[in-house]
Amino acid sequence: MRKVPLNKLKPDMYLARPVFYKNMLMLNRGVHNLDKYIRTLRNMGVSSLYVEDGLSEGIEVTELLSEKTIHKCRNILHNIFDNFRKTGNVDSTNLLHSSNIILDELISREDVLVSLDSIGTTDANTLSHSLNVAIYSLILGTQLGLSRERLLLLSESAMLHDIGKTVLDQDILFKPGQLSETEFNYVKSHTVLGYDILKENPVMSAITRNVALYHHERLDGSGYPEGILDDGIHNFARIVAIADIYDALTMDRCYRKAVSASEAVSILLQDAGTKLDTSLVDIFITQLAIYPNGTLVRLSDGRSGIVSSQNSSLPFQPVIRILQEAGETETEPYEVNLAQETDVTILDEMAEL
């Protein structure tokens, strides 16, 4: 299995993962002649598909969460947000139910590294982003050894961190192009609005309100809304900040395209120690499949191939199935473990050989 851009689809490829749009199944596994769906897929915002072909034979892309879990939790969160818009009340019971479902499955698959598509939600609306941030936060919280009670509280805080955006003008929030200074300040008000919303819901904890207010604060005081420093930022707000940044970078936005996992990690590392908590960033990165299975890559020695498997805690050093030698000479496929060949590194990702 591998991920292929729509413009690189070939007749011998067939769909390896179903395509959903707004919680509806659009294309199921095993579909052939994928090129005839390209226009429709582009209109849906889909830019690539997971396919099976000769190059990727035998390569598995393990899902961190099952499709059933992802869509069940999306629906729960959708209903929570919809109910809030109608009544002003946050349904803490179903929020807890959703968190328990995710946590149980994460714990059962704790040896699986996280790739961009393994969490299953790829559109940039507030609901999908909130779910992604909760999953990333739980992964980090699990590695920190937090108790189940604290993990559930972290999940609640992450799912509701952007609830203030639900009351903003959506035309401004999803405006294509650069926001004016006035518009940007308006969007930044979602932190205070979120805090006020949660304060009106007495079942919500003080920590959840704190995360809604402070997830854009930075250790050096450069964040908002208050510009508080290091010790003033709760650990949960630090965790959610990392998850929030990573998910925002790796999602298509109305004003820019998504960056790769490796580019997003580079940005996190640049901010570690100044804006973000270094120890949390380091732990988070070890849980990522920065070059997911099925990714075509070019190596520093000129060879090219496809990522076939991962090395736990070594996200920059997966196992590569070599398909071309240096000079683009095709070869009988063989595998190279970058954890063992430490003088060879991944230069970049490739759309196609």
Protein backbone atom coordinates (compact mmCIF):
# COMPACT_ATOMS: atom_id res chain seq x y z
CA MET A 1 0.00 0.00 0.00
CA ARG A 2 1.19 3.53 -0.71
CA LYS A 3 -0.10 7.08 -0.98
CA VAL A 4 -0.22 8.51 -4.50
CA PRO A 5 -1.17 12.04 -5.71
CA LEU A 6 -4.24 12.08 -7.95
CA ASN A 7 -2.22 13.16 -10.99
CA LYS A 8 0.05 10.10 -10.60
CA LEU A 9 -2.67 7.43 -10.60
CA LYS A 10 -2.06 4.56 -13.04
CA PRO A 11 -4.32 1.86 -14.52
CA ASP A 12 -2.74 -0.97 -12.48
CA MET A 13 -3.59 0.72 -9.16
CA TYR A 14 -6.66 0.00 -7.07
CA LEU A 15 -8.00 1.73 -3.99
CA ALA A 16 -6.54 0.39 -0.73
CA ARG A 17 -8.50 2.59 1.68
CA PRO A 18 -12.07 3.87 1.38
CA VAL A 19 -12.74 7.55 0.77
CA PHE A 20 -15.20 9.36 3.03
CA TYR A 21 -16.69 12.81 2.55
CA LYS A 22 -18.70 14.46 5.32
CA ASN A 23 -19.02 11.08 7.03
CA MET A 24 -20.39 9.40 3.88
CA LEU A 25 -18.62 6.56 2.05
CA MET A 26 -17.78 7.78 -1.45
CA LEU A 27 -15.40 5.07 -2.74
CA ASN A 28 -14.78 1.66 -1.22
CA ARG A 29 -11.66 -0.51 -1.15
CA GLY A 30 -10.82 -2.39 -4.32
CA VAL A 31 -12.15 0.20 -6.81
CA HIS A 32 -10.25 0.18 -10.14
CA ASN A 33 -10.03 2.81 -12.90
CA LEU A 34 -9.44 5.51 -10.33
CA ASP A 35 -8.61 8.16 -12.93
CA LYS A 36 -12.30 8.60 -13.76
CA TYR A 37 -12.95 9.87 -10.22
CA ILE A 38 -10.17 12.48 -10.16
CA ARG A 39 -12.36 15.54 -10.84
CA THR A 40 -14.90 14.54 -8.19
CA LEU A 41 -12.17 13.79 -5.65
CA ARG A 42 -10.52 17.17 -6.25
CA ASN A 43 -13.86 18.90 -5.75
CA MET A 44 -14.09 17.09 -2.41
CA GLY A 45 -10.65 18.41 -1.42
CA VAL A 46 -8.90 15.04 -1.81
CA SER A 47 -5.39 15.36 -3.23
CA SER A 48 -4.11 11.78 -2.92
CA LEU A 49 -5.25 8.21 -2.38
CA TYR A 50 -3.88 5.08 -0.74
CA VAL A 51 -3.51 2.46 -3.46
CA GLU A 52 -2.14 -1.04 -3.97
CA ASP A 53 0.28 -1.63 -6.85
CA GLY A 54 3.40 -3.57 -7.71
CA LEU A 55 5.78 -1.12 -6.01
CA SER A 56 4.02 -1.31 -2.67
CA GLU A 57 3.18 -5.01 -2.59
CA GLY A 58 3.33 -6.33 0.98
CA ILE A 59 3.74 -2.90 2.60
CA GLU A 60 1.26 -2.32 5.39
CA VAL A 61 0.05 1.07 6.57
CA THR A 62 -1.27 0.36 10.05
CA GLU A 63 -4.16 2.46 11.26
CA LEU A 64 -3.70 4.01 14.68
CA LEU A 65 -7.47 4.18 15.08
CA SER A 66 -10.02 2.14 13.17
CA GLU A 67 -12.27 3.83 10.63
CA LYS A 68 -15.22 2.83 12.80
CA THR A 69 -13.74 4.63 15.82
CA ILE A 70 -12.83 7.76 13.87
CA HIS A 71 -16.27 8.15 12.34
CA LYS A 72 -18.07 7.33 15.58
CA CYS A 73 -16.07 9.97 17.45
CA ARG A 74 -16.51 12.49 14.64
CA ASN A 75 -20.27 12.04 14.86
CA ILE A 76 -20.24 12.36 18.65
CA LEU A 77 -18.18 15.54 18.48
CA HIS A 78 -20.36 16.91 15.69
CA ASN A 79 -23.44 16.40 17.86
CA ILE A 80 -21.70 18.01 20.86
CA PHE A 81 -20.79 21.11 18.84
CA ASP A 82 -24.22 21.23 17.19
CA ASN A 83 -25.96 20.95 20.56
CA PHE A 84 -23.76 23.71 21.94
CA ARG A 85 -24.69 26.06 19.08
CA LYS A 86 -28.39 25.41 19.75
CA THR A 87 -28.43 25.42 23.56
CA GLY A 88 -25.14 26.90 24.78
CA ASN A 89 -24.52 23.71 26.79
CA VAL A 90 -21.54 21.37 26.39
CA ASP A 91 -22.47 17.68 26.59
CA SER A 92 -19.79 16.43 28.99
CA THR A 93 -21.22 12.89 29.10
CA ASN A 94 -20.75 12.21 25.40
CA LEU A 95 -17.45 14.06 25.45
CA LEU A 96 -16.22 11.61 28.08
CA HIS A 97 -17.64 8.69 26.09
CA SER A 98 -15.72 9.77 22.98
CA SER A 99 -12.50 10.21 24.99
CA ASN A 100 -12.83 6.73 26.48
CA ILE A 101 -13.32 5.16 23.03
CA ILE A 102 -10.19 6.85 21.66
CA LEU A 103 -8.07 6.14 24.73
CA ASP A 104 -8.97 2.44 24.82
CA GLU A 105 -7.97 2.00 21.19
CA LEU A 106 -4.76 4.03 21.54
CA ILE A 107 -3.67 1.91 24.50
CA SER A 108 -4.34 -1.29 22.54
CA ARG A 109 -2.13 -0.01 19.68
CA GLU A 110 0.58 1.78 21.65
CA ASP A 111 3.35 0.30 19.45
CA VAL A 112 1.98 1.98 16.29
CA LEU A 113 3.71 5.19 15.23
CA VAL A 114 1.45 8.03 14.12
CA SER A 115 1.33 9.05 10.48
CA LEU A 116 -0.75 11.88 9.03
CA ASP A 117 -3.41 9.58 7.64
CA SER A 118 -3.55 7.05 10.45
CA ILE A 119 -5.82 9.32 12.47
CA GLY A 120 -8.24 9.54 9.59
CA THR A 121 -9.43 13.16 9.71
CA THR A 122 -7.96 15.43 7.09
CA ASP A 123 -10.28 18.39 6.55
CA ALA A 124 -9.45 21.66 8.24
CA ASN A 125 -12.75 22.45 9.95
CA THR A 126 -12.87 23.05 13.69
CA LEU A 127 -14.46 19.67 14.43
CA SER A 128 -11.82 17.59 12.62
CA HIS A 129 -8.99 19.71 13.98
CA SER A 130 -10.29 19.36 17.53
CA LEU A 131 -10.48 15.57 17.21
CA ASN A 132 -6.96 15.37 15.75
CA VAL A 133 -5.55 17.56 18.51
CA ALA A 134 -7.20 15.36 21.14
CA ILE A 135 -5.64 12.23 19.61
CA TYR A 136 -2.17 13.78 19.37
CA SER A 137 -2.47 15.09 22.94
CA LEU A 138 -3.50 11.67 24.25
CA ILE A 139 -0.54 10.04 22.51
CA LEU A 140 1.80 12.50 24.22
CA GLY A 141 0.01 12.20 27.55
CA THR A 142 0.23 8.41 27.41
CA GLN A 143 3.99 8.61 26.90
CA LEU A 144 4.22 10.89 29.93
CA GLY A 145 2.60 8.17 32.04
CA LEU A 146 -0.46 10.20 33.01
CA SER A 147 -3.21 8.36 34.89
CA ARG A 148 -6.40 7.45 33.02
CA GLU A 149 -8.28 10.16 34.90
CA ARG A 150 -5.74 12.79 33.80
CA LEU A 151 -5.70 11.49 30.23
CA LEU A 152 -9.47 11.82 29.99
CA LEU A 153 -9.24 15.36 31.31
CA LEU A 154 -6.50 16.11 28.76
CA SER A 155 -8.69 14.72 25.98
CA GLU A 156 -11.63 16.88 27.09
CA SER A 157 -9.39 19.94 27.17
CA ALA A 158 -8.00 19.21 23.71
CA MET A 159 -11.40 18.55 22.13
CA LEU A 160 -12.72 21.86 23.45
CA HIS A 161 -9.58 23.97 23.01
CA ASP A 162 -11.05 25.76 19.97
CA ILE A 163 -14.70 25.88 21.04
CA GLY A 164 -14.50 29.67 20.92
CA LYS A 165 -14.16 29.43 17.13
CA THR A 166 -17.67 28.01 16.85
CA VAL A 167 -19.13 31.44 17.67
CA LEU A 168 -16.88 33.39 15.29
CA ASP A 169 -17.89 34.58 11.83
CA GLN A 170 -17.00 31.51 9.73
CA ASP A 171 -16.41 33.63 6.63
CA ILE A 172 -13.56 35.37 8.42
CA LEU A 173 -12.31 32.21 10.12
CA PHE A 174 -12.02 30.37 6.79
CA LYS A 175 -11.19 33.36 4.61
CA PRO A 176 -8.92 32.41 1.69
CA GLY A 177 -5.89 34.67 1.72
CA GLN A 178 -4.24 36.75 4.38
CA LEU A 179 -6.31 38.23 7.19
CA SER A 180 -6.16 41.94 7.93
CA GLU A 181 -4.81 42.95 11.34
CA THR A 182 -8.37 43.58 12.53
CA GLU A 183 -9.52 40.19 11.28
CA PHE A 184 -6.53 38.42 12.85
CA ASN A 185 -7.20 40.03 16.22
CA TYR A 186 -10.82 38.98 15.87
CA VAL A 187 -9.82 35.34 15.25
CA LYS A 188 -7.41 35.45 18.20
CA SER A 189 -10.36 36.31 20.43
CA HIS A 190 -11.46 32.65 20.21
CA THR A 191 -9.26 31.93 23.24
CA VAL A 192 -11.10 34.32 25.53
CA LEU A 193 -14.46 33.38 24.02
CA GLY A 194 -13.71 29.70 24.62
CA TYR A 195 -12.82 30.40 28.24
CA ASP A 196 -16.06 32.34 28.74
CA ILE A 197 -18.14 29.60 27.09
CA LEU A 198 -16.66 26.91 29.33
CA LYS A 199 -17.02 29.11 32.40
CA GLU A 200 -20.76 29.22 31.69
CA ASN A 201 -20.77 25.41 31.77
CA PRO A 202 -20.03 24.54 35.42
CA VAL A 203 -19.39 20.84 34.66
CA MET A 204 -16.26 21.85 32.74
CA SER A 205 -13.06 21.77 34.81
CA ALA A 206 -10.85 24.77 35.49
CA ILE A 207 -8.05 23.04 33.55
CA THR A 208 -10.24 22.70 30.44
CA ARG A 209 -11.02 26.42 30.65
CA ASN A 210 -7.31 27.14 31.14
CA VAL A 211 -6.36 25.19 27.98
CA ALA A 212 -8.98 27.02 25.90
CA LEU A 213 -7.57 30.34 27.11
CA TYR A 214 -3.84 29.57 27.01
CA HIS A 215 -3.13 27.08 24.20
CA HIS A 216 -1.67 29.92 22.09
CA GLU A 217 0.64 31.14 24.86
CA ARG A 218 4.37 30.53 24.36
CA LEU A 219 7.18 30.01 26.87
CA ASP A 220 9.00 33.21 25.80
CA GLY A 221 5.90 35.37 26.28
CA SER A 222 5.28 35.85 22.54
CA GLY A 223 1.86 34.15 22.57
CA TYR A 224 -1.66 35.38 23.25
CA PRO A 225 -4.04 36.43 24.76
CA GLU A 226 -1.95 37.51 27.78
CA GLY A 227 1.67 36.94 26.77
CA ILE A 228 2.36 34.91 29.91
CA LEU A 229 5.73 33.21 30.42
CA ASP A 230 7.06 29.71 31.04
CA ASP A 231 5.86 28.82 34.55
CA GLY A 232 2.46 30.42 34.02
CA ILE A 233 1.48 27.95 31.29
CA HIS A 234 -0.20 24.75 32.52
CA ASN A 235 1.33 21.49 31.29
CA PHE A 236 -1.89 20.55 29.47
CA ALA A 237 -1.83 23.86 27.57
CA ARG A 238 1.79 23.10 26.58
CA ILE A 239 0.79 19.65 25.30
CA VAL A 240 -2.22 20.95 23.38
CA ALA A 241 -0.08 23.75 21.89
CA ILE A 242 2.27 21.19 20.29
CA ALA A 243 -0.60 19.05 19.02
CA ASP A 244 -2.40 22.15 17.74
CA ILE A 245 0.63 23.45 15.81
CA TYR A 246 1.49 20.07 14.30
CA ASP A 247 -2.06 19.40 13.13
CA ALA A 248 -2.49 22.93 11.75
CA LEU A 249 0.74 22.65 9.76
CA THR A 250 -0.07 19.24 8.28
CA MET A 251 -3.61 20.12 7.19
CA ASP A 252 -4.59 21.98 4.03
CA ARG A 253 -5.87 25.42 4.98
CA CYS A 254 -7.98 27.80 2.95
CA TYR A 255 -4.94 30.11 2.68
CA ARG A 256 -2.10 27.56 2.24
CA LYS A 257 -1.31 23.94 1.47
CA ALA A 258 -0.29 21.44 4.13
CA VAL A 259 3.39 20.82 4.79
CA SER A 260 4.89 17.35 5.12
CA ALA A 261 5.38 15.67 8.48
CA SER A 262 9.14 16.21 8.22
CA GLU A 263 8.69 19.94 7.56
CA ALA A 264 6.25 20.24 10.48
CA VAL A 265 8.71 18.48 12.80
CA SER A 266 11.46 20.88 11.71
CA ILE A 267 9.24 23.81 12.70
CA LEU A 268 8.48 22.25 16.10
CA LEU A 269 12.21 21.71 16.69
CA GLN A 270 12.97 25.32 15.75
CA ASP A 271 10.52 26.53 18.40
CA ALA A 272 11.54 24.00 21.07
CA GLY A 273 13.20 25.69 24.02
CA THR A 274 11.98 29.18 23.16
CA LYS A 275 8.27 28.95 22.41
CA LEU A 276 7.56 25.25 23.10
CA ASP A 277 8.55 22.83 25.84
CA THR A 278 11.64 20.95 24.57
CA SER A 279 11.03 17.75 26.52
CA LEU A 280 7.43 17.52 25.26
CA VAL A 281 8.45 18.18 21.65
CA ASP A 282 11.13 15.48 21.83
CA ILE A 283 8.69 12.89 23.22
CA PHE A 284 6.03 13.84 20.67
CA ILE A 285 8.42 13.40 17.73
CA THR A 286 9.40 9.88 18.82
CA GLN A 287 5.75 8.85 18.39
CA LEU A 288 5.49 10.03 14.78
CA ALA A 289 6.04 8.14 11.55
CA ILE A 290 7.64 11.16 9.93
CA TYR A 291 8.06 9.19 6.71
CA PRO A 292 4.97 6.93 6.75
CA ASN A 293 4.99 3.47 5.21
CA GLY A 294 4.35 3.71 1.48
CA THR A 295 6.16 7.06 1.09
CA LEU A 296 8.56 7.36 -1.86
CA VAL A 297 11.87 8.90 -0.76
CA ARG A 298 15.26 9.89 -2.14
CA LEU A 299 18.31 9.01 -0.03
CA SER A 300 21.49 11.00 0.53
CA ASP A 301 23.55 8.47 -1.48
CA GLY A 302 21.36 8.92 -4.57
CA ARG A 303 19.24 5.79 -4.20
CA SER A 304 15.44 5.96 -4.22
CA GLY A 305 12.81 3.71 -2.76
CA ILE A 306 9.66 3.31 -0.71
CA VAL A 307 9.33 3.26 3.08
CA SER A 308 8.40 -0.31 4.00
CA SER A 309 8.41 -0.26 7.82
CA GLN A 310 9.29 1.85 10.87
CA ASN A 311 11.88 1.64 13.64
CA SER A 312 10.29 2.41 17.00
CA SER A 313 11.55 5.70 18.54
CA LEU A 314 13.69 6.40 15.43
CA PRO A 315 11.26 8.39 13.27
CA PHE A 316 13.95 9.69 10.90
CA GLN A 317 15.36 6.21 10.23
CA PRO A 318 12.75 3.85 8.75
CA VAL A 319 13.37 0.79 6.60
CA ILE A 320 13.49 1.55 2.86
CA ARG A 321 12.73 -0.81 -0.03
CA ILE A 322 15.26 0.32 -2.64
CA LEU A 323 13.78 0.52 -6.16
CA GLN A 324 16.43 2.61 -7.94
CA GLU A 325 20.18 2.84 -7.51
CA ALA A 326 22.01 6.15 -7.79
CA GLY A 327 21.63 7.51 -11.31
CA GLU A 328 18.01 6.30 -11.48
CA THR A 329 19.01 2.78 -12.53
CA GLU A 330 16.22 0.33 -11.73
CA THR A 331 17.18 -2.60 -9.51
CA GLU A 332 15.69 -5.73 -8.06
CA PRO A 333 14.05 -4.46 -4.84
CA TYR A 334 15.99 -4.92 -1.60
CA GLU A 335 15.69 -3.36 1.83
CA VAL A 336 17.95 -0.93 3.68
CA ASN A 337 17.49 -0.27 7.40
CA LEU A 338 18.51 3.33 8.06
CA ALA A 339 18.85 2.56 11.77
CA GLN A 340 21.80 0.38 10.79
CA GLU A 341 23.18 2.35 7.84
CA THR A 342 23.58 5.53 9.85
CA ASP A 343 25.67 7.29 7.19
CA VAL A 344 22.63 7.34 4.87
CA THR A 345 19.72 9.72 5.45
CA ILE A 346 16.47 10.67 3.72
CA LEU A 347 16.90 13.77 1.56
CA ASP A 348 13.30 14.34 0.54
CA GLU A 349 9.98 12.80 -0.37
CA MET A 350 9.07 12.08 -3.99
CA ALA A 351 5.72 12.21 -5.75
CA GLU A 352 6.75 9.38 -8.09
CA LEU A 353 9.88 7.58 -9.31
